[in-house]
């Protein structure tokens, strides 16, 4: 199954990667690898992560304070947010309207 990231989620991810890269290139690389691993896992087992709302799941990036918040559609998985654990829960809910 194809995995697609909303542009706003991609911006969140780039900002996080930049923050890590400025402090530790090794940690930034580790985060990048976790994201790639998560995308592969979601593509293979899209329903494995727990539901956090009726149509939204949360994949926890172990070792980092981030989650990939995503929705499983008919033919693709859409990542709605690259959410830091300290962000207000559900801040990404308005992004559900961007799913087609």
Protein backbone atom coordinates (compact mmCIF):
# COMPACT_ATOMS: atom_id res chain seq x y z
CA UNK A 1 0.00 0.00 0.00
CA UNK A 2 1.23 3.48 -0.87
CA UNK A 3 2.13 5.88 1.98
CA UNK A 4 1.65 9.61 1.39
CA UNK A 5 2.42 12.46 3.76
CA UNK A 6 0.40 15.69 3.76
CA UNK A 7 2.63 18.67 3.01
CA UNK A 8 2.00 20.15 6.47
CA UNK A 9 3.14 16.88 8.08
CA UNK A 10 6.21 16.92 5.86
CA UNK A 11 7.00 20.46 7.05
CA UNK A 12 6.69 19.27 10.67
CA UNK A 13 9.09 16.42 9.92
CA UNK A 14 11.64 18.68 8.19
CA UNK A 15 11.55 21.08 11.14
CA UNK A 16 12.20 18.22 13.56
CA UNK A 17 15.00 16.82 11.40
CA UNK A 18 16.61 20.27 11.21
CA UNK A 19 16.43 20.65 14.99
CA UNK A 20 18.08 17.27 15.51
CA UNK A 21 20.68 17.82 12.78
CA UNK A 22 21.81 21.09 14.42
CA UNK A 23 22.39 19.23 17.68
CA UNK A 24 23.40 15.76 16.55
CA UNK A 25 23.64 14.55 12.96
CA UNK A 26 23.61 11.00 14.29
CA UNK A 27 20.30 11.55 16.11
CA UNK A 28 18.85 13.15 12.96
CA UNK A 29 19.88 10.14 10.91
CA UNK A 30 18.34 7.85 13.54
CA UNK A 31 15.06 9.74 13.33
CA UNK A 32 15.09 9.56 9.53
CA UNK A 33 15.63 5.78 9.69
CA UNK A 34 12.77 5.42 12.22
CA UNK A 35 10.43 7.29 9.89
CA UNK A 36 11.41 5.10 6.93
CA UNK A 37 10.96 1.96 9.04
CA UNK A 38 7.55 3.22 10.22
CA UNK A 39 6.40 3.87 6.65
CA UNK A 40 7.40 0.35 5.61
CA UNK A 41 5.62 -1.11 8.62
CA UNK A 42 2.46 0.92 7.97
CA UNK A 43 2.45 -0.18 4.32
CA UNK A 44 2.67 -3.85 5.33
CA UNK A 45 0.40 -3.73 8.38
CA UNK A 46 -1.77 -0.61 8.05
CA UNK A 47 -4.17 -1.55 10.86
CA UNK A 48 -1.53 -2.55 13.42
CA UNK A 49 -1.18 0.84 15.13
CA UNK A 50 -3.85 1.76 17.69
CA UNK A 51 -6.82 3.93 16.77
CA UNK A 52 -6.88 7.36 18.39
CA UNK A 53 -10.12 8.43 16.71
CA UNK A 54 -12.66 6.77 14.43
CA UNK A 55 -10.43 6.82 11.33
CA UNK A 56 -7.01 7.82 12.64
CA UNK A 57 -4.12 5.76 13.98
CA UNK A 58 -0.91 6.62 15.80
CA UNK A 59 2.47 5.07 15.08
CA UNK A 60 4.91 5.87 17.90
CA UNK A 61 8.49 6.48 16.78
CA UNK A 62 10.29 4.67 19.60
CA UNK A 63 13.28 6.51 20.99
CA UNK A 64 11.96 9.87 19.78
CA UNK A 65 9.14 12.07 21.12
CA UNK A 66 7.16 11.89 17.88
CA UNK A 67 4.21 10.00 16.43
CA UNK A 68 3.11 9.54 12.86
CA UNK A 69 -0.62 10.23 12.89
CA UNK A 70 -2.25 8.58 9.88
CA UNK A 71 -5.44 7.45 8.22
CA UNK A 72 -5.90 4.31 6.17
CA UNK A 73 -7.76 5.05 2.97
CA UNK A 74 -8.94 2.60 0.31
CA UNK A 75 -5.75 2.64 -1.74
CA UNK A 76 -3.28 4.57 0.39
CA UNK A 77 -2.17 5.57 3.84
CA UNK A 78 -2.11 9.30 4.50
CA UNK A 79 0.13 10.70 7.22
CA UNK A 80 -1.71 13.67 8.71
CA UNK A 81 0.88 14.80 11.24
CA UNK A 82 4.42 14.35 12.45
CA UNK A 83 3.30 15.07 15.99
CA UNK A 84 5.59 15.91 18.90
CA UNK A 85 4.39 14.38 22.16
CA UNK A 86 4.19 17.80 23.81
CA UNK A 87 1.78 19.23 21.19
CA UNK A 88 -1.87 19.65 22.05
CA UNK A 89 -3.64 16.33 21.39
CA UNK A 90 -5.83 16.44 18.31
CA UNK A 91 -4.31 19.62 16.88
CA UNK A 92 -4.27 17.80 13.52
CA UNK A 93 -8.03 17.03 13.45
CA UNK A 94 -8.77 19.80 10.96
CA UNK A 95 -6.46 18.03 8.49
CA UNK A 96 -8.99 15.23 8.09
CA UNK A 97 -10.77 17.54 5.65
CA UNK A 98 -7.76 17.30 3.34
CA UNK A 99 -8.36 13.59 2.74
CA UNK A 100 -9.98 12.75 -0.56
